[in-house]
Protein backbone atom coordinates (compact mmCIF):
# COMPACT_ATOMS: atom_id res chain seq x y z
CA MET A 1 11.98 23.58 -13.93
CA ALA A 2 12.04 22.19 -10.39
CA ASP A 3 8.60 23.69 -9.69
CA LEU A 4 7.15 21.96 -12.72
CA PHE A 5 8.64 18.63 -11.56
CA PHE A 6 7.18 18.91 -8.05
CA ASN A 7 3.83 20.18 -9.31
CA THR A 8 3.63 17.19 -11.64
CA ILE A 9 4.44 14.86 -8.73
CA SER A 10 1.65 16.43 -6.66
CA TRP A 11 -0.94 16.10 -9.44
CA ILE A 12 -0.02 12.48 -10.15
CA GLY A 13 -0.04 11.66 -6.41
CA LEU A 14 -3.43 13.31 -6.01
CA ALA A 15 -4.83 11.43 -9.01
CA ILE A 16 -3.60 8.13 -7.58
CA CYS A 17 -5.07 8.84 -4.15
CA ILE A 18 -8.44 9.83 -5.63
CA GLY A 19 -8.34 6.83 -7.99
CA ALA A 20 -7.82 4.57 -4.98
CA PHE A 21 -11.44 5.23 -3.97
CA PHE A 22 -12.49 3.17 -7.00
CA ILE A 23 -10.33 0.12 -6.19
CA LYS A 24 -12.17 -2.79 -4.57
CA ASP A 25 -9.19 -5.04 -3.83
CA VAL A 26 -7.86 -4.02 -0.40
CA PHE A 27 -4.22 -4.80 -1.15
CA ARG A 28 -4.23 -2.74 -4.38
CA LEU A 29 -6.12 0.05 -2.64
CA ARG A 30 -3.50 0.25 0.11
CA LEU A 31 -0.70 0.06 -2.44
CA ALA A 32 -2.20 2.87 -4.55
CA THR A 33 -2.69 4.99 -1.46
CA LEU A 34 0.87 4.28 -0.35
CA ILE A 35 2.24 5.41 -3.70
CA GLY A 36 0.00 8.46 -3.93
CA CYS A 37 0.74 9.62 -0.39
CA SER A 38 4.46 9.07 -0.95
CA MET A 39 4.29 11.44 -3.89
CA LEU A 40 2.28 13.98 -1.94
CA PHE A 41 4.70 13.65 0.98
CA ILE A 42 7.55 14.55 -1.37
CA TYR A 43 5.62 17.51 -2.71
CA TYR A 44 4.62 18.87 0.70
CA SER A 45 8.18 18.40 1.98
CA HIS A 46 9.42 20.47 -0.94
CA ILE A 47 7.02 23.36 -0.35
CA ASP A 48 7.41 23.18 3.47
CA ILE A 49 3.76 22.58 4.43
CA LEU A 50 4.04 20.77 7.76
CA GLN A 51 0.38 19.67 7.92
CA GLY A 52 0.67 18.05 4.48
CA VAL A 53 3.93 16.34 5.42
CA ILE A 54 2.56 14.94 8.69
CA SER A 55 -0.80 13.83 7.34
CA ASN A 56 0.65 12.12 4.29
CA LEU A 57 3.41 10.52 6.34
CA LEU A 58 0.85 9.08 8.76
CA VAL A 59 -1.34 7.68 5.98
CA LEU A 60 1.78 6.33 4.27
CA LEU A 61 2.95 4.56 7.44
CA ILE A 62 -0.52 3.13 8.18
CA ASN A 63 -0.81 1.69 4.67
CA ALA A 64 2.77 0.33 4.77
CA TYR A 65 1.97 -1.43 8.06
CA TYR A 66 -1.11 -3.11 6.64
CA ILE A 67 0.63 -4.06 3.43
CA LEU A 68 3.42 -5.73 5.43
CA ARG A 69 0.82 -7.52 7.55
CA PHE A 70 -0.96 -8.71 4.40
CA ILE A 71 2.33 -10.03 2.90
CA LYS A 72 3.21 -11.77 6.16
CA ALA A 73 -0.23 -13.43 6.32
CA LYS A 74 0.07 -14.57 2.71
CA ARG A 75 3.50 -16.10 3.35
CA SER A 76 2.20 -17.86 6.46
CA GLU A 77 -0.77 -19.18 4.49
CA GLN A 78 1.53 -20.44 1.72
CA MET A 79 3.83 -22.14 4.20
CA GLN A 80 0.86 -23.89 5.85
CA SER A 81 -0.50 -25.09 2.52
CA ALA A 82 2.96 -26.33 1.52
CA ALA A 83 3.16 -28.36 4.74
CA ILE A 84 0.14 -30.46 3.71
CA PRO A 85 1.31 -33.55 1.81
CA SER A 86 0.19 -33.38 -1.83
CA ASN A 87 -0.67 -37.09 -2.04
CA GLN A 88 -3.46 -36.80 0.54
CA PRO A 89 -6.52 -34.59 0.22
CA ALA A 90 -6.90 -31.88 2.84
CA ALA A 91 -10.24 -33.36 3.97
CA ALA A 92 -8.54 -36.64 4.91
CA LEU A 93 -6.10 -34.81 7.17
CA SER A 94 -8.83 -33.18 9.22
CA GLU A 95 -10.45 -36.52 10.17
């Protein structure tokens, strides 16, 4: 039963990683790759394949880093836009 569970995780993770090649939005692409590689990392950890563990862990960490950077940039952008008074147009502030 455990083998079926881990095999299912590997197939779903693989499908997500392959499906990520068809995603145009960079954030969603990185998120899909993060999820797929997480699932493959679990699978390779279970079957003790060190190369699979290391490669998926590296891709997982790289995507997590860029997702966090993206979120941080979005928050910074939102804070900057919130700092502009709503009663004046942005063009008037730049003059």
